[in-house]
Amino acid sequence: MAAVHWHILGAGAIGCLWATHLAKAGHQVTLIVRTQDALNRFNQQGGVTLEHENISTLFTANAQLADTEEPIHNLLLTTKAYDTKTALASVQARLSQDAQIVILQNGMGAQQSAAEQLAPKRVWAASTTDGAWLKAPFHVVFAGQGATRVGPLNATPQTDLPTQPQGMTPAEPMQVVADADIEVSLWRKLVINCAINPLTALYGCRNGELVTDPDKYQHMAALCEEMDTLCNAKGLTLFDTPILEQAVAVATATGTNYSSMLQDVRQQRRTELDFITGYLLKIAAEQGLNLPQNQSLYKTLTTDCKP
């Protein structure tokens, strides 16, 4: 497939991971950064460093501020969910008439709002199981290979969007899977995040302790039971087994990891709780359901873990 020019809005771990793998695949990459200081630091470094299996490689890319006039034809947005609306507004005037926009982030709600905000432009949502973390600004560590599922958010009989954006082809070992039913995939990621991330933030523990500690395990089981009830009410079949079994499998596989929500709490940063447990509770209220365990956890975290 021919190389395309990707603008990436959000220079965190996932944004930098994609920047390196798109550049490695021969695409032109431009990171959109927030401040002049960040732009200066990027220019001094000369690109984005990828560290994988203890080998570091510098990939050439460009960087610019949001108020640059260069048009955007392909936008990958990897900001935190709560920054989505503001981030898109900062570049909306730059989007070409035929622009394609991919939103890759945790949680739910922000993607759907973005699709409405940008209509009738082509918008896709993506969900990834790749693991990455920033060792330093523009220095990303590829910590675990997964896959990225992507599918159209605002396809209609009139627009007839393809299931995968053109040119969304990173270099190996990153994998992209076209997903015509991306909403279900987003829900799968959401319930696992709801089962693990808030609890690790509450207890200040690694993911694996939710399985090995009996009290923490029972707390996770209670959250998952409520989510099963909600999914049944919505007619959503996410897995072949109860959500708890899936959550246990993920928590075990990522046992030594600290969740992104716990890291945000420890760094006194805003968390994505409103787009994870908060979104779950919003949908439950629309269904006329009360999820007391999830509600209690949400209330505790919003009271005790604000930056």
Protein backbone atom coordinates (compact mmCIF):
# COMPACT_ATOMS: atom_id res chain seq x y z
CA MET A 1 0.00 0.00 0.00
CA ALA A 2 1.24 3.50 -0.81
CA ALA A 3 2.73 5.57 1.99
CA VAL A 4 0.52 8.26 3.52
CA HIS A 5 1.07 11.18 5.88
CA TRP A 6 -0.19 10.55 9.42
CA HIS A 7 -0.60 13.30 12.00
CA ILE A 8 -0.62 11.88 15.54
CA LEU A 9 -2.30 13.98 18.23
CA GLY A 10 -1.18 12.77 21.64
CA ALA A 11 2.52 12.08 22.22
CA GLY A 12 2.12 9.62 25.06
CA ALA A 13 3.23 6.01 25.02
CA ILE A 14 0.72 4.73 22.47
CA GLY A 15 1.10 7.78 20.24
CA CYS A 16 4.88 7.38 20.19
CA LEU A 17 4.59 3.63 19.64
CA TRP A 18 2.46 4.24 16.56
CA ALA A 19 4.76 7.02 15.38
CA THR A 20 7.75 4.68 15.33
CA HIS A 21 5.97 1.79 13.64
CA LEU A 22 4.29 3.96 11.00
CA ALA A 23 7.65 5.59 10.25
CA LYS A 24 9.31 2.18 10.10
CA ALA A 25 6.68 1.13 7.56
CA GLY A 26 7.61 4.07 5.34
CA HIS A 27 4.80 6.48 6.19
CA GLN A 28 5.40 10.17 6.88
CA VAL A 29 4.67 10.94 10.52
CA THR A 30 4.05 14.27 12.26
CA LEU A 31 3.43 14.44 16.01
CA ILE A 32 1.26 17.31 17.21
CA VAL A 33 2.58 18.47 20.59
CA ARG A 34 1.07 20.84 23.15
CA THR A 35 3.81 23.34 23.92
CA GLN A 36 6.80 25.08 22.39
CA ASP A 37 9.00 23.47 25.06
CA ALA A 38 7.85 20.01 23.93
CA LEU A 39 8.50 20.95 20.32
CA ASN A 40 12.00 22.17 21.18
CA ARG A 41 12.77 18.96 23.04
CA PHE A 42 11.52 16.86 20.14
CA ASN A 43 13.64 18.80 17.66
CA GLN A 44 16.73 18.38 19.85
CA GLN A 45 16.15 14.62 19.95
CA GLY A 46 15.49 14.44 16.21
CA GLY A 47 12.63 11.97 16.31
CA VAL A 48 11.07 9.25 18.47
CA THR A 49 13.11 6.54 20.14
CA LEU A 50 11.69 3.01 20.23
CA GLU A 51 13.08 0.60 22.82
CA HIS A 52 12.19 -3.03 22.19
CA GLU A 53 13.91 -6.08 23.67
CA ASN A 54 16.66 -3.82 25.06
CA ILE A 55 17.48 -2.35 21.64
CA SER A 56 16.87 1.37 21.10
CA THR A 57 16.25 2.84 17.64
CA LEU A 58 15.64 6.47 16.71
CA PHE A 59 12.96 6.97 14.06
CA THR A 60 12.80 10.18 12.09
CA ALA A 61 9.53 12.07 12.35
CA ASN A 62 8.30 15.63 12.40
CA ALA A 63 6.57 17.58 15.15
CA GLN A 64 4.47 20.73 15.22
CA LEU A 65 2.01 22.70 17.31
CA ALA A 66 -1.74 22.44 16.85
CA ASP A 67 -1.99 25.94 15.35
CA THR A 68 0.21 25.07 12.36
CA GLU A 69 -1.62 25.66 9.07
CA GLU A 70 -0.61 22.40 7.37
CA PRO A 71 -3.76 20.44 6.36
CA ILE A 72 -4.43 17.08 7.98
CA HIS A 73 -5.64 14.18 5.82
CA ASN A 74 -5.03 11.29 8.24
CA LEU A 75 -5.32 11.88 11.99
CA LEU A 76 -4.59 9.35 14.73
CA LEU A 77 -5.79 10.67 18.09
CA THR A 78 -4.20 9.00 21.12
CA THR A 79 -4.92 11.50 23.90
CA LYS A 80 -6.55 10.67 27.20
CA ALA A 81 -10.32 10.33 26.83
CA TYR A 82 -11.05 13.51 28.80
CA ASP A 83 -8.87 15.55 26.40
CA THR A 84 -10.59 14.32 23.22
CA LYS A 85 -13.02 17.18 22.63
CA THR A 86 -10.48 19.94 23.28
CA ALA A 87 -7.74 18.20 21.30
CA LEU A 88 -9.96 17.74 18.26
CA ALA A 89 -11.18 21.32 18.44
CA SER A 90 -7.55 22.50 18.34
CA VAL A 91 -7.03 20.95 14.88
CA GLN A 92 -10.57 20.75 13.50
CA ALA A 93 -10.05 23.67 11.11
CA ARG A 94 -7.04 21.86 9.65
CA LEU A 95 -8.91 18.68 8.73
CA SER A 96 -9.31 18.27 4.99
CA GLN A 97 -12.73 17.61 3.54
CA ASP A 98 -11.84 13.95 2.96
CA ALA A 99 -9.92 13.51 6.23
CA GLN A 100 -10.02 10.19 8.03
CA ILE A 101 -9.78 10.24 11.82
CA VAL A 102 -8.90 7.29 14.06
CA ILE A 103 -9.49 7.54 17.82
CA LEU A 104 -7.37 5.14 19.86
CA GLN A 105 -7.84 5.41 23.63
CA ASN A 106 -9.20 3.75 26.75
CA GLY A 107 -12.77 3.99 27.94
CA MET A 108 -15.96 4.81 26.07
CA GLY A 109 -18.08 7.83 25.38
CA ALA A 110 -15.43 10.19 24.04
CA GLN A 111 -15.21 8.32 20.72
CA GLN A 112 -18.94 8.52 20.09
CA SER A 113 -19.01 12.22 20.99
CA ALA A 114 -16.10 12.83 18.62
CA ALA A 115 -17.91 11.12 15.76
CA GLU A 116 -20.83 13.49 16.30
CA GLN A 117 -18.49 16.48 16.66
CA LEU A 118 -16.73 15.70 13.36
CA ALA A 119 -19.68 14.49 11.26
CA PRO A 120 -19.84 13.97 8.34
CA LYS A 121 -16.08 13.27 8.31
CA ARG A 122 -14.95 9.65 8.46
CA VAL A 123 -14.27 8.53 12.02
CA TRP A 124 -13.01 5.16 13.25
CA ALA A 125 -12.51 3.87 16.78
CA ALA A 126 -9.65 1.60 17.75
CA SER A 127 -8.82 -0.54 20.77
CA THR A 128 -5.41 -2.01 21.47
CA THR A 129 -3.81 -4.66 23.66
CA ASP A 130 -0.27 -3.47 22.85
CA GLY A 131 1.74 -2.59 25.93
CA ALA A 132 3.94 0.50 26.01
CA TRP A 133 5.30 3.06 28.44
CA LEU A 134 7.36 6.22 28.19
CA LYS A 135 10.87 6.07 29.63
CA ALA A 136 11.27 9.75 28.77
CA PRO A 137 9.48 12.19 26.46
CA PHE A 138 9.51 10.76 22.93
CA HIS A 139 11.25 7.58 24.18
CA VAL A 140 8.80 4.68 24.20
CA VAL A 141 9.32 1.15 25.48
CA PHE A 142 7.37 -1.53 23.60
CA ALA A 143 6.51 -3.72 26.58
CA GLY A 144 4.16 -6.29 25.11
CA GLN A 145 2.82 -7.17 21.69
CA GLY A 146 -0.92 -7.37 21.24
CA ALA A 147 -3.18 -6.24 18.43
CA THR A 148 -5.16 -3.15 17.52
CA ARG A 149 -8.75 -3.57 16.41
CA VAL A 150 -10.25 -0.76 14.34
CA GLY A 151 -13.71 -0.17 12.90
CA PRO A 152 -15.98 2.61 11.66
CA LEU A 153 -17.97 4.67 14.15
CA ASN A 154 -20.17 6.72 11.85
CA ALA A 155 -20.72 4.45 8.87
CA THR A 156 -24.16 4.74 7.26
CA PRO A 157 -25.65 3.35 4.06
CA GLN A 158 -24.74 6.73 2.53
CA THR A 159 -21.10 6.83 3.66
CA ASP A 160 -20.39 3.09 3.50
CA LEU A 161 -17.05 3.40 5.31
CA PRO A 162 -14.48 0.64 4.82
CA THR A 163 -13.77 -1.30 8.01
CA GLN A 164 -10.15 -0.09 8.08
CA PRO A 165 -8.72 3.36 7.32
CA GLN A 166 -6.50 3.54 4.27
CA GLY A 167 -2.81 3.54 5.15
CA MET A 168 -3.21 2.36 8.74
CA THR A 169 -0.42 -0.12 8.21
CA PRO A 170 2.28 -0.09 10.89
CA ALA A 171 5.43 -2.18 10.61
CA GLU A 172 5.66 -5.59 12.25
CA PRO A 173 5.31 -6.79 14.91
CA MET A 174 2.34 -4.42 15.41
CA GLN A 175 -0.90 -5.87 14.07
CA VAL A 176 -4.10 -4.19 12.92
CA VAL A 177 -7.36 -6.13 12.72
CA ALA A 178 -10.35 -4.72 10.84
CA ASP A 179 -13.44 -4.95 13.06
CA ALA A 180 -16.84 -4.18 11.57
CA ASP A 181 -18.41 -4.35 15.05
CA ILE A 182 -15.95 -2.15 16.92
CA GLU A 183 -18.57 -1.12 19.53
CA VAL A 184 -18.58 -4.67 20.92
CA SER A 185 -14.78 -4.69 21.04
CA LEU A 186 -14.83 -1.37 22.89
CA TRP A 187 -17.27 -2.87 25.39
CA ARG A 188 -14.98 -5.88 25.91
CA LYS A 189 -12.07 -3.59 26.71
CA LEU A 190 -14.32 -1.41 28.88
CA VAL A 191 -15.54 -4.14 31.22
CA ILE A 192 -12.03 -5.50 31.70
CA ASN A 193 -10.80 -1.99 32.48
CA CYS A 194 -13.71 -1.53 34.91
CA ALA A 195 -12.80 -4.78 36.66
CA ILE A 196 -9.08 -4.08 37.03
CA ASN A 197 -8.03 -0.43 36.79
CA PRO A 198 -10.19 1.18 39.51
CA LEU A 199 -9.42 -1.60 41.99
CA THR A 200 -5.66 -1.30 41.47
CA ALA A 201 -6.02 2.45 42.00
CA LEU A 202 -8.03 1.84 45.18
CA TYR A 203 -5.65 -0.73 46.67
CA GLY A 204 -2.41 0.63 45.20
CA CYS A 205 -1.49 -2.81 43.90
CA ARG A 206 -0.24 -4.60 40.80
CA ASN A 207 -2.82 -6.24 38.55
CA GLY A 208 -1.97 -9.76 39.69
CA GLU A 209 -2.83 -9.08 43.33
CA LEU A 210 -6.50 -8.84 42.35
CA VAL A 211 -6.33 -12.58 41.72
CA THR A 212 -3.97 -13.75 44.46
CA ASP A 213 -5.44 -11.74 47.36
CA PRO A 214 -8.80 -13.26 48.44
CA ASP A 215 -10.39 -9.98 49.55
CA LYS A 216 -9.39 -8.13 46.39
CA TYR A 217 -10.57 -11.08 44.29
CA GLN A 218 -14.00 -11.01 45.94
CA HIS A 219 -14.24 -7.27 45.28
CA MET A 220 -13.43 -7.85 41.61
CA ALA A 221 -15.97 -10.68 41.44
CA ALA A 222 -18.71 -8.40 42.81
CA LEU A 223 -17.93 -5.74 40.18
CA CYS A 224 -18.00 -8.31 37.40
CA GLU A 225 -21.29 -9.82 38.54
CA GLU A 226 -22.93 -6.41 38.22
CA MET A 227 -21.44 -5.94 34.77
CA ASP A 228 -22.79 -9.32 33.66
CA THR A 229 -26.24 -8.15 34.77
CA LEU A 230 -25.90 -4.93 32.76
CA CYS A 231 -24.73 -6.75 29.63
CA ASN A 232 -27.62 -9.18 29.90
CA ALA A 233 -30.06 -6.26 30.17
CA LYS A 234 -28.56 -4.67 27.06
CA GLY A 235 -28.49 -7.93 25.14
CA LEU A 236 -24.70 -7.71 24.84
CA THR A 237 -22.80 -10.98 24.55
CA LEU A 238 -19.16 -10.04 25.05
CA PHE A 239 -17.53 -13.37 25.91
CA ASP A 240 -18.35 -17.07 25.99
CA THR A 241 -17.71 -17.08 29.74
CA PRO A 242 -18.58 -14.70 32.62
CA ILE A 243 -16.71 -11.39 32.69
CA LEU A 244 -14.89 -12.44 35.87
CA GLU A 245 -13.09 -15.28 34.07
CA GLN A 246 -11.88 -12.85 31.41
CA ALA A 247 -10.80 -10.31 34.01
CA VAL A 248 -8.88 -12.97 35.94
CA ALA A 249 -7.10 -14.05 32.75
CA VAL A 250 -6.05 -10.49 31.92
CA ALA A 251 -5.04 -9.64 35.49
CA THR A 252 -2.95 -12.81 35.62
CA ALA A 253 -1.31 -12.23 32.22
CA THR A 254 -0.41 -8.66 33.25
CA GLY A 255 0.26 -9.60 36.86
CA THR A 256 3.40 -7.52 37.39
CA ASN A 257 1.97 -4.42 35.69
CA TYR A 258 0.73 -1.29 37.39
CA SER A 259 -2.45 -0.08 35.65
CA SER A 260 -2.48 3.27 33.91
CA MET A 261 -5.10 4.48 36.39
CA LEU A 262 -2.90 3.66 39.39
CA GLN A 263 0.04 5.39 37.69
CA ASP A 264 -2.13 8.47 37.13
CA VAL A 265 -3.16 8.50 40.79
CA ARG A 266 0.43 8.17 41.97
CA GLN A 267 1.54 10.97 39.66
CA GLN A 268 -1.41 13.09 40.84
CA ARG A 269 -2.78 13.26 37.32
CA ARG A 270 -6.41 13.19 36.32
CA THR A 271 -7.64 9.64 35.69
CA GLU A 272 -9.96 8.35 32.97
CA LEU A 273 -12.42 7.04 35.59
CA ASP A 274 -15.32 9.06 34.15
CA PHE A 275 -14.88 7.28 30.81
CA ILE A 276 -14.46 3.83 32.36
CA THR A 277 -16.58 3.19 35.47
CA GLY A 278 -18.39 6.49 34.93
CA TYR A 279 -19.52 5.44 31.46
CA LEU A 280 -20.61 2.04 32.79
CA LEU A 281 -22.79 3.72 35.42
CA LYS A 282 -24.27 6.09 32.84
CA ILE A 283 -25.40 3.18 30.67
CA ALA A 284 -26.72 1.32 33.73
CA ALA A 285 -28.83 4.34 34.67
CA GLU A 286 -30.25 4.44 31.14
CA GLN A 287 -31.23 0.79 31.63
CA GLY A 288 -32.81 1.55 35.00
CA LEU A 289 -30.20 -0.56 36.79
CA ASN A 290 -28.33 0.16 40.01
CA LEU A 291 -24.76 -1.15 40.28
CA PRO A 292 -23.98 -0.51 43.96
CA GLN A 293 -20.49 -2.04 44.01
CA ASN A 294 -19.34 -0.10 40.95
CA GLN A 295 -21.09 3.05 42.23
CA SER A 296 -19.38 2.80 45.59
CA LEU A 297 -15.97 2.31 43.98
CA TYR A 298 -16.56 5.26 41.65
CA LYS A 299 -17.58 7.50 44.56
CA THR A 300 -14.56 6.48 46.64
CA LEU A 301 -12.10 7.13 43.84
CA THR A 302 -13.61 10.47 42.84
CA THR A 303 -13.46 11.57 46.49
CA ASP A 304 -10.07 10.19 47.56
CA CYS A 305 -8.00 10.11 44.36
CA LYS A 306 -8.46 13.56 42.87
CA PRO A 307 -5.18 15.24 41.90
